[in-house]
């Protein structure tokens, strides 16, 4: 079964509020056991630029989607409003 990936591109406007979101989102992720496979230094080559980028690997696309749609993450997501803007994508891995 192909892996599932959650890719986030984020620009932060309120670091304190974003830290609260990040803690809540991390706690919501724990039951899904994702692996961070990319984060840190980047170079924007084309398109809209964001400050931070991260790729989480889940056991499957369905598992990644279950995390994103979970009540725990949806509650955390509310904390991100006003603290950051960004794009989040779910992607199925190549088999």
PDB file of N, CA and C in Angstrom:
ATOM      1  N   UNK A   1       0.846  -1.180   0.000  1.00  0.00           N
ATOM      2  CA  UNK A   1       0.000   0.000   0.000  1.00  0.00           C
ATOM      3  C   UNK A   1       0.889   1.240   0.000  1.00  0.00           C
ATOM      4  N   UNK A   2       0.622   2.208  -0.885  1.00  0.00           N
ATOM      5  CA  UNK A   2       1.433   3.428  -0.942  1.00  0.00           C
ATOM      6  C   UNK A   2       1.306   4.258   0.338  1.00  0.00           C
ATOM      7  N   UNK A   3       2.359   4.955   0.660  1.00  0.00           N
ATOM      8  CA  UNK A   3       2.359   5.871   1.802  1.00  0.00           C
ATOM      9  C   UNK A   3       1.473   7.075   1.488  1.00  0.00           C
ATOM     10  N   UNK A   4       1.128   7.829   2.518  1.00  0.00           N
ATOM     11  CA  UNK A   4       0.408   9.084   2.365  1.00  0.00           C
ATOM     12  C   UNK A   4       1.265  10.208   2.908  1.00  0.00           C
ATOM     13  N   UNK A   5       1.195  11.347   2.277  1.00  0.00           N
ATOM     14  CA  UNK A   5       2.022  12.485   2.668  1.00  0.00           C
ATOM     15  C   UNK A   5       1.156  13.714   2.913  1.00  0.00           C
ATOM     16  N   UNK A   6       1.439  14.401   3.991  1.00  0.00           N
ATOM     17  CA  UNK A   6       0.842  15.693   4.263  1.00  0.00           C
ATOM     18  C   UNK A   6       1.956  16.709   4.077  1.00  0.00           C
ATOM     19  N   UNK A   7       1.751  17.627   3.149  1.00  0.00           N
ATOM     20  CA  UNK A   7       2.757  18.634   2.828  1.00  0.00           C
ATOM     21  C   UNK A   7       2.206  19.989   3.238  1.00  0.00           C
ATOM     22  N   UNK A   8       2.941  20.697   4.062  1.00  0.00           N
ATOM     23  CA  UNK A   8       2.516  22.013   4.528  1.00  0.00           C
ATOM     24  C   UNK A   8       3.502  23.083   4.119  1.00  0.00           C
ATOM     25  N   UNK A   9       2.969  24.194   3.626  1.00  0.00           N
ATOM     26  CA  UNK A   9       3.751  25.384   3.279  1.00  0.00           C
ATOM     27  C   UNK A   9       3.117  26.526   4.072  1.00  0.00           C
ATOM     28  N   UNK A  10       3.871  27.140   4.991  1.00  0.00           N
ATOM     29  CA  UNK A  10       3.270  28.065   5.946  1.00  0.00           C
ATOM     30  C   UNK A  10       4.079  29.354   6.074  1.00  0.00           C
ATOM     31  N   UNK A  11       3.363  30.473   6.190  1.00  0.00           N
ATOM     32  CA  UNK A  11       3.954  31.765   6.552  1.00  0.00           C
ATOM     33  C   UNK A  11       3.294  32.206   7.856  1.00  0.00           C
ATOM     34  N   UNK A  12       4.116  32.511   8.837  1.00  0.00           N
ATOM     35  CA  UNK A  12       3.640  32.799  10.193  1.00  0.00           C
ATOM     36  C   UNK A  12       3.572  34.308  10.430  1.00  0.00           C
ATOM     37  N   UNK A  13       2.436  34.746  10.971  1.00  0.00           N
ATOM     38  CA  UNK A  13       2.278  36.165  11.294  1.00  0.00           C
ATOM     39  C   UNK A  13       2.261  36.421  12.807  1.00  0.00           C
ATOM     40  N   UNK A  14       2.000  35.395  13.601  1.00  0.00           N
ATOM     41  CA  UNK A  14       1.977  35.501  15.057  1.00  0.00           C
ATOM     42  C   UNK A  14       2.653  34.254  15.628  1.00  0.00           C
ATOM     43  N   UNK A  15       3.934  34.401  15.960  1.00  0.00           N
ATOM     44  CA  UNK A  15       4.737  33.249  16.386  1.00  0.00           C
ATOM     45  C   UNK A  15       4.213  32.607  17.675  1.00  0.00           C
ATOM     46  N   UNK A  16       3.718  33.399  18.606  1.00  0.00           N
ATOM     47  CA  UNK A  16       3.220  32.855  19.868  1.00  0.00           C
ATOM     48  C   UNK A  16       1.972  32.003  19.638  1.00  0.00           C
ATOM     49  N   UNK A  17       1.027  32.541  18.876  1.00  0.00           N
ATOM     50  CA  UNK A  17      -0.198  31.786  18.583  1.00  0.00           C
ATOM     51  C   UNK A  17       0.118  30.558  17.738  1.00  0.00           C
ATOM     52  N   UNK A  18       1.080  30.687  16.815  1.00  0.00           N
ATOM     53  CA  UNK A  18       1.440  29.544  15.974  1.00  0.00           C
ATOM     54  C   UNK A  18       2.067  28.434  16.816  1.00  0.00           C
ATOM     55  N   UNK A  19       2.846  28.802  17.805  1.00  0.00           N
ATOM     56  CA  UNK A  19       3.452  27.790  18.688  1.00  0.00           C
ATOM     57  C   UNK A  19       2.373  27.009  19.433  1.00  0.00           C
ATOM     58  N   UNK A  20       1.296  27.678  19.823  1.00  0.00           N
ATOM     59  CA  UNK A  20       0.178  26.994  20.480  1.00  0.00           C
ATOM     60  C   UNK A  20      -0.466  26.010  19.510  1.00  0.00           C
ATOM     61  N   UNK A  21      -0.670  26.445  18.269  1.00  0.00           N
ATOM     62  CA  UNK A  21      -1.212  25.551  17.224  1.00  0.00           C
ATOM     63  C   UNK A  21      -0.276  24.363  17.006  1.00  0.00           C
ATOM     64  N   UNK A  22       1.020  24.626  16.863  1.00  0.00           N
ATOM     65  CA  UNK A  22       1.981  23.560  16.565  1.00  0.00           C
ATOM     66  C   UNK A  22       1.983  22.496  17.656  1.00  0.00           C
ATOM     67  N   UNK A  23       1.881  22.913  18.903  1.00  0.00           N
ATOM     68  CA  UNK A  23       1.822  21.949  20.018  1.00  0.00           C
ATOM     69  C   UNK A  23       0.557  21.105  19.927  1.00  0.00           C
ATOM     70  N   UNK A  24      -0.583  21.752  19.703  1.00  0.00           N
ATOM     71  CA  UNK A  24      -1.856  21.029  19.611  1.00  0.00           C
ATOM     72  C   UNK A  24      -1.872  20.097  18.399  1.00  0.00           C
ATOM     73  N   UNK A  25      -1.328  20.564  17.273  1.00  0.00           N
ATOM     74  CA  UNK A  25      -1.277  19.729  16.067  1.00  0.00           C
ATOM     75  C   UNK A  25      -0.359  18.530  16.286  1.00  0.00           C
ATOM     76  N   UNK A  26       0.767  18.746  16.937  1.00  0.00           N
ATOM     77  CA  UNK A  26       1.682  17.648  17.234  1.00  0.00           C
ATOM     78  C   UNK A  26       1.049  16.602  18.131  1.00  0.00           C
ATOM     79  N   UNK A  27       0.319  17.059  19.136  1.00  0.00           N
ATOM     80  CA  UNK A  27      -0.386  16.128  20.028  1.00  0.00           C
ATOM     81  C   UNK A  27      -1.439  15.336  19.247  1.00  0.00           C
ATOM     82  N   UNK A  28      -2.136  16.022  18.320  1.00  0.00           N
ATOM     83  CA  UNK A  28      -3.165  15.349  17.515  1.00  0.00           C
ATOM     84  C   UNK A  28      -2.551  14.311  16.578  1.00  0.00           C
ATOM     85  N   UNK A  29      -1.303  14.507  16.192  1.00  0.00           N
ATOM     86  CA  UNK A  29      -0.622  13.575  15.277  1.00  0.00           C
ATOM     87  C   UNK A  29      -0.169  12.294  15.944  1.00  0.00           C
ATOM     88  N   UNK A  30       0.099  12.350  17.227  1.00  0.00           N
ATOM     89  CA  UNK A  30       0.719  11.208  17.922  1.00  0.00           C
ATOM     90  C   UNK A  30       0.060   9.861  17.628  1.00  0.00           C
ATOM     91  N   UNK A  31      -1.259   9.740  17.671  1.00  0.00           N
ATOM     92  CA  UNK A  31      -1.870   8.427  17.418  1.00  0.00           C
ATOM     93  C   UNK A  31      -1.663   7.917  15.982  1.00  0.00           C
ATOM     94  N   UNK A  32      -1.308   8.811  15.070  1.00  0.00           N
ATOM     95  CA  UNK A  32      -1.157   8.432  13.660  1.00  0.00           C
ATOM     96  C   UNK A  32       0.297   8.112  13.307  1.00  0.00           C
ATOM     97  N   UNK A  33       1.211   8.403  14.230  1.00  0.00           N
ATOM     98  CA  UNK A  33       2.617   8.035  14.104  1.00  0.00           C
ATOM     99  C   UNK A  33       3.266   8.447  12.777  1.00  0.00           C
ATOM    100  N   UNK A  34       3.130   9.710  12.372  1.00  0.00           N
ATOM    101  CA  UNK A  34       3.774  10.111  11.126  1.00  0.00           C
ATOM    102  C   UNK A  34       5.272  10.306  11.324  1.00  0.00           C
ATOM    103  N   UNK A  35       5.967  10.320  10.226  1.00  0.00           N
ATOM    104  CA  UNK A  35       7.414  10.541  10.227  1.00  0.00           C
ATOM    105  C   UNK A  35       7.665  11.846   9.465  1.00  0.00           C
ATOM    106  N   UNK A  36       8.458  12.749  10.029  1.00  0.00           N
ATOM    107  CA  UNK A  36       8.851  13.958   9.304  1.00  0.00           C
ATOM    108  C   UNK A  36       9.955  13.545   8.342  1.00  0.00           C
ATOM    109  N   UNK A  37       9.697  13.720   7.042  1.00  0.00           N
ATOM    110  CA  UNK A  37      10.725  13.310   6.081  1.00  0.00           C
ATOM    111  C   UNK A  37      11.440  14.494   5.437  1.00  0.00           C
ATOM    112  N   UNK A  38      10.888  15.703   5.576  1.00  0.00           N
ATOM    113  CA  UNK A  38      11.579  16.884   5.062  1.00  0.00           C
ATOM    114  C   UNK A  38      11.098  18.113   5.810  1.00  0.00           C
ATOM    115  N   UNK A  39      12.054  18.946   6.209  1.00  0.00           N
ATOM    116  CA  UNK A  39      11.780  20.224   6.869  1.00  0.00           C
ATOM    117  C   UNK A  39      13.110  20.964   6.942  1.00  0.00           C
ATOM    118  N   UNK A  40      13.050  22.262   7.094  1.00  0.00           N
ATOM    119  CA  UNK A  40      14.284  23.020   7.257  1.00  0.00           C
ATOM    120  C   UNK A  40      14.612  23.868   6.049  1.00  0.00           C
ATOM    121  N   UNK A  41      15.895  23.882   5.706  1.00  0.00           N
ATOM    122  CA  UNK A  41      16.377  24.751   4.634  1.00  0.00           C
ATOM    123  C   UNK A  41      15.656  24.454   3.323  1.00  0.00           C
ATOM    124  N   UNK A  42      15.347  25.508   2.584  1.00  0.00           N
ATOM    125  CA  UNK A  42      14.683  25.350   1.292  1.00  0.00           C
ATOM    126  C   UNK A  42      15.079  26.498   0.381  1.00  0.00           C
ATOM    127  N   UNK A  43      14.799  26.339  -0.873  1.00  0.00           N
ATOM    128  CA  UNK A  43      14.978  27.397  -1.872  1.00  0.00           C
ATOM    129  C   UNK A  43      13.711  27.449  -2.707  1.00  0.00           C
ATOM    130  N   UNK A  44      13.049  28.593  -2.711  1.00  0.00           N
ATOM    131  CA  UNK A  44      11.829  28.761  -3.507  1.00  0.00           C
ATOM    132  C   UNK A  44      12.232  29.040  -4.948  1.00  0.00           C
ATOM    133  N   UNK A  45      11.885  28.140  -5.842  1.00  0.00           N
ATOM    134  CA  UNK A  45      12.278  28.274  -7.240  1.00  0.00           C
ATOM    135  C   UNK A  45      11.213  28.935  -8.102  1.00  0.00           C
ATOM    136  N   UNK A  46       9.942  28.676  -7.802  1.00  0.00           N
ATOM    137  CA  UNK A  46       8.840  29.254  -8.565  1.00  0.00           C
ATOM    138  C   UNK A  46       7.617  29.345  -7.679  1.00  0.00           C
ATOM    139  N   UNK A  47       6.692  30.224  -8.036  1.00  0.00           N
ATOM    140  CA  UNK A  47       5.404  30.294  -7.362  1.00  0.00           C
ATOM    141  C   UNK A  47       5.443  31.007  -6.023  1.00  0.00           C
ATOM    142  N   UNK A  48       4.319  30.889  -5.319  1.00  0.00           N
ATOM    143  CA  UNK A  48       4.140  31.557  -4.040  1.00  0.00           C
ATOM    144  C   UNK A  48       5.172  31.064  -3.032  1.00  0.00           C
ATOM    145  N   UNK A  49       5.729  31.981  -2.288  1.00  0.00           N
ATOM    146  CA  UNK A  49       6.752  31.648  -1.301  1.00  0.00           C
ATOM    147  C   UNK A  49       6.151  31.622   0.106  1.00  0.00           C
ATOM    148  N   UNK A  50       6.613  30.695   0.926  1.00  0.00           N
ATOM    149  CA  UNK A  50       6.243  30.615   2.338  1.00  0.00           C
ATOM    150  C   UNK A  50       7.515  30.463   3.155  1.00  0.00           C
ATOM    151  N   UNK A  51       7.414  30.742   4.452  1.00  0.00           N
ATOM    152  CA  UNK A  51       8.578  30.694   5.342  1.00  0.00           C
ATOM    153  C   UNK A  51       8.983  29.285   5.746  1.00  0.00           C
ATOM    154  N   UNK A  52       7.994  28.405   5.895  1.00  0.00           N
ATOM    155  CA  UNK A  52       8.257  27.057   6.401  1.00  0.00           C
ATOM    156  C   UNK A  52       7.598  26.019   5.504  1.00  0.00           C
ATOM    157  N   UNK A  53       8.267  24.883   5.424  1.00  0.00           N
ATOM    158  CA  UNK A  53       7.768  23.763   4.624  1.00  0.00           C
ATOM    159  C   UNK A  53       8.057  22.483   5.399  1.00  0.00           C
ATOM    160  N   UNK A  54       7.103  21.568   5.360  1.00  0.00           N
ATOM    161  CA  UNK A  54       7.302  20.298   6.054  1.00  0.00           C
ATOM    162  C   UNK A  54       6.545  19.202   5.297  1.00  0.00           C
ATOM    163  N   UNK A  55       7.121  18.018   5.288  1.00  0.00           N
ATOM    164  CA  UNK A  55       6.462  16.857   4.699  1.00  0.00           C
ATOM    165  C   UNK A  55       6.409  15.759   5.755  1.00  0.00           C
ATOM    166  N   UNK A  56       5.169  15.319   6.061  1.00  0.00           N
ATOM    167  CA  UNK A  56       4.946  14.215   6.990  1.00  0.00           C
ATOM    168  C   UNK A  56       4.576  12.976   6.193  1.00  0.00           C
ATOM    169  N   UNK A  57       5.163  11.848   6.535  1.00  0.00           N
ATOM    170  CA  UNK A  57       4.837  10.574   5.899  1.00  0.00           C
ATOM    171  C   UNK A  57       3.959   9.752   6.836  1.00  0.00           C
ATOM    172  N   UNK A  58       2.830   9.283   6.311  1.00  0.00           N
ATOM    173  CA  UNK A  58       1.905   8.428   7.044  1.00  0.00           C
ATOM    174  C   UNK A  58       1.910   7.040   6.401  1.00  0.00           C
ATOM    175  N   UNK A  59       1.387   6.059   7.101  1.00  0.00           N
ATOM    176  CA  UNK A  59       1.344   4.693   6.590  1.00  0.00           C
ATOM    177  C   UNK A  59       0.567   4.575   5.283  1.00  0.00           C
ATOM    178  N   UNK A  60      -0.423   5.453   5.092  1.00  0.00           N
ATOM    179  CA  UNK A  60      -1.243   5.408   3.877  1.00  0.00           C
ATOM    180  C   UNK A  60      -1.899   6.769   3.666  1.00  0.00           C
ATOM    181  N   UNK A  61      -2.427   6.980   2.470  1.00  0.00           N
ATOM    182  CA  UNK A  61      -3.185   8.192   2.169  1.00  0.00           C
ATOM    183  C   UNK A  61      -4.386   8.283   3.103  1.00  0.00           C
ATOM    184  N   UNK A  62      -5.083   7.156   3.302  1.00  0.00           N
ATOM    185  CA  UNK A  62      -6.261   7.138   4.169  1.00  0.00           C
ATOM    186  C   UNK A  62      -5.897   7.537   5.593  1.00  0.00           C
ATOM    187  N   UNK A  63      -4.745   7.078   6.081  1.00  0.00           N
ATOM    188  CA  UNK A  63      -4.296   7.416   7.432  1.00  0.00           C
ATOM    189  C   UNK A  63      -3.986   8.909   7.546  1.00  0.00           C
ATOM    190  N   UNK A  64      -3.359   9.476   6.519  1.00  0.00           N
ATOM    191  CA  UNK A  64      -3.064  10.916   6.509  1.00  0.00           C
ATOM    192  C   UNK A  64      -4.359  11.720   6.515  1.00  0.00           C
ATOM    193  N   UNK A  65      -5.324  11.273   5.736  1.00  0.00           N
ATOM    194  CA  UNK A  65      -6.609  11.965   5.668  1.00  0.00           C
ATOM    195  C   UNK A  65      -7.362  11.840   6.993  1.00  0.00           C
ATOM    196  N   UNK A  66      -7.298  10.674   7.618  1.00  0.00           N
ATOM    197  CA  UNK A  66      -7.936  10.490   8.928  1.00  0.00           C
ATOM    198  C   UNK A  66      -7.343  11.444   9.957  1.00  0.00           C
ATOM    199  N   UNK A  67      -6.026  11.618   9.918  1.00  0.00           N
ATOM    200  CA  UNK A  67      -5.408  12.582  10.831  1.00  0.00           C
ATOM    201  C   UNK A  67      -5.970  13.970  10.568  1.00  0.00           C
ATOM    202  N   UNK A  68      -5.909  14.423   9.311  1.00  0.00           N
ATOM    203  CA  UNK A  68      -6.328  15.786   8.982  1.00  0.00           C
ATOM    204  C   UNK A  68      -7.783  16.035   9.360  1.00  0.00           C
ATOM    205  N   UNK A  69      -8.623  15.038   9.168  1.00  0.00           N
ATOM    206  CA  UNK A  69     -10.057  15.185   9.454  1.00  0.00           C
ATOM    207  C   UNK A  69     -10.420  14.868  10.900  1.00  0.00           C
ATOM    208  N   UNK A  70      -9.461  14.438  11.701  1.00  0.00           N
ATOM    209  CA  UNK A  70      -9.759  14.057  13.088  1.00  0.00           C
ATOM    210  C   UNK A  70     -10.258  15.264  13.886  1.00  0.00           C
ATOM    211  N   UNK A  71     -11.139  15.028  14.838  1.00  0.00           N
ATOM    212  CA  UNK A  71     -11.626  16.127  15.690  1.00  0.00           C
ATOM    213  C   UNK A  71     -10.482  16.843  16.416  1.00  0.00           C
ATOM    214  N   UNK A  72      -9.463  16.083  16.795  1.00  0.00           N
ATOM    215  CA  UNK A  72      -8.333  16.671  17.516  1.00  0.00           C
ATOM    216  C   UNK A  72      -7.569  17.655  16.626  1.00  0.00           C
ATOM    217  N   UNK A  73      -7.323  17.265  15.369  1.00  0.00           N
ATOM    218  CA  UNK A  73      -6.609  18.196  14.488  1.00  0.00           C
ATOM    219  C   UNK A  73      -7.498  19.368  14.082  1.00  0.00           C
ATOM    220  N   UNK A  74      -8.766  19.118  13.842  1.00  0.00           N
ATOM    221  CA  UNK A  74      -9.663  20.213  13.477  1.00  0.00           C
ATOM    222  C   UNK A  74      -9.726  21.252  14.596  1.00  0.00           C
ATOM    223  N   UNK A  75      -9.673  20.811  15.852  1.00  0.00           N
ATOM    224  CA  UNK A  75      -9.627  21.747  16.982  1.00  0.00           C
ATOM    225  C   UNK A  75      -8.306  22.518  16.980  1.00  0.00           C
ATOM    226  N   UNK A  76      -7.207  21.834  16.678  1.00  0.00           N
ATOM    227  CA  UNK A  76      -5.899  22.504  16.609  1.00  0.00           C
ATOM    228  C   UNK A  76      -5.874  23.515  15.465  1.00  0.00           C
ATOM    229  N   UNK A  77      -6.460  23.141  14.341  1.00  0.00           N
ATOM    230  CA  UNK A  77      -6.469  23.999  13.153  1.00  0.00           C
ATOM    231  C   UNK A  77      -7.101  25.361  13.438  1.00  0.00           C
ATOM    232  N   UNK A  78      -8.098  25.384  14.291  1.00  0.00           N
ATOM    233  CA  UNK A  78      -8.744  26.647  14.674  1.00  0.00           C
ATOM    234  C   UNK A  78      -7.724  27.596  15.301  1.00  0.00           C
ATOM    235  N   UNK A  79      -6.752  27.048  16.021  1.00  0.00           N
ATOM    236  CA  UNK A  79      -5.719  27.859  16.671  1.00  0.00           C
ATOM    237  C   UNK A  79      -4.773  28.515  15.665  1.00  0.00           C
ATOM    238  N   UNK A  80      -4.702  27.961  14.460  1.00  0.00           N
ATOM    239  CA  UNK A  80      -3.820  28.496  13.421  1.00  0.00           C
ATOM    240  C   UNK A  80      -4.414  29.737  12.758  1.00  0.00           C
ATOM    241  N   UNK A  81      -5.732  29.871  12.796  1.00  0.00           N
ATOM    242  CA  UNK A  81      -6.408  31.005  12.162  1.00  0.00           C
ATOM    243  C   UNK A  81      -5.883  32.313  12.746  1.00  0.00           C
ATOM    244  N   UNK A  82      -5.444  33.192  11.898  1.00  0.00           N
ATOM    245  CA  UNK A  82      -4.904  34.474  12.342  1.00  0.00           C
ATOM    246  C   UNK A  82      -3.440  34.428  12.727  1.00  0.00           C
ATOM    247  N   UNK A  83      -2.889  33.227  12.894  1.00  0.00           N
ATOM    248  CA  UNK A  83      -1.485  33.091  13.273  1.00  0.00           C
ATOM    249  C   UNK A  83      -0.593  32.764  12.081  1.00  0.00           C
ATOM    250  N   UNK A  84      -1.213  32.210  11.028  1.00  0.00           N
ATOM    251  CA  UNK A  84      -0.428  31.802   9.865  1.00  0.00           C
ATOM    252  C   UNK A  84      -1.346  31.605   8.656  1.00  0.00           C
ATOM    253  N   UNK A  85      -0.747  31.711   7.500  1.00  0.00           N
ATOM    254  CA  UNK A  85      -1.433  31.362   6.257  1.00  0.00           C
ATOM    255  C   UNK A  85      -0.601  30.302   5.580  1.00  0.00           C
ATOM    256  N   UNK A  86      -1.238  29.532   4.717  1.00  0.00           N
ATOM    257  CA  UNK A  86      -0.461  28.510   4.039  1.00  0.00           C
ATOM    258  C   UNK A  86      -1.303  27.620   3.160  1.00  0.00           C
ATOM    259  N   UNK A  87      -0.631  26.633   2.649  1.00  0.00           N
ATOM    260  CA  UNK A  87      -1.237  25.627   1.787  1.00  0.00           C
ATOM    261  C   UNK A  87      -0.885  24.272   2.377  1.00  0.00           C
ATOM    262  N   UNK A  88      -1.893  23.394   2.459  1.00  0.00           N
ATOM    263  CA  UNK A  88      -1.698  22.037   2.954  1.00  0.00           C
ATOM    264  C   UNK A  88      -2.232  21.080   1.902  1.00  0.00           C
ATOM    265  N   UNK A  89      -1.461  20.054   1.592  1.00  0.00           N
ATOM    266  CA  UNK A  89      -1.813  19.113   0.535  1.00  0.00           C
ATOM    267  C   UNK A  89      -1.646  17.691   1.047  1.00  0.00           C
ATOM    268  N   UNK A  90      -2.603  16.825   0.738  1.00  0.00           N
ATOM    269  CA  UNK A  90      -2.447  15.390   0.963  1.00  0.00           C
ATOM    270  C   UNK A  90      -2.042  14.780  -0.379  1.00  0.00           C
ATOM    271  N   UNK A  91      -1.054  13.905  -0.359  1.00  0.00           N
ATOM    272  CA  UNK A  91      -0.539  13.302  -1.587  1.00  0.00           C
ATOM    273  C   UNK A  91      -0.291  11.823  -1.362  1.00  0.00           C
ATOM    274  N   UNK A  92      -0.749  11.009  -2.298  1.00  0.00           N
ATOM    275  CA  UNK A  92      -0.492   9.572  -2.225  1.00  0.00           C
ATOM    276  C   UNK A  92       0.889   9.287  -2.823  1.00  0.00           C
ATOM    277  N   UNK A  93       1.646   8.448  -2.136  1.00  0.00           N
ATOM    278  CA  UNK A  93       2.964   8.075  -2.632  1.00  0.00           C
ATOM    279  C   UNK A  93       2.877   7.170  -3.849  1.00  0.00           C
ATOM    280  N   UNK A  94       3.941   7.158  -4.618  1.00  0.00           N
ATOM    281  CA  UNK A  94       4.014   6.283  -5.772  1.00  0.00           C
ATOM    282  C   UNK A  94       4.184   4.838  -5.285  1.00  0.00           C
ATOM    283  N   UNK A  95       3.485   3.924  -5.930  1.00  0.00           N
ATOM    284  CA  UNK A  95       3.602   2.528  -5.493  1.00  0.00           C
ATOM    285  C   UNK A  95       4.689   1.801  -6.247  1.00  0.00           C
TER     286      UNK A  95
END
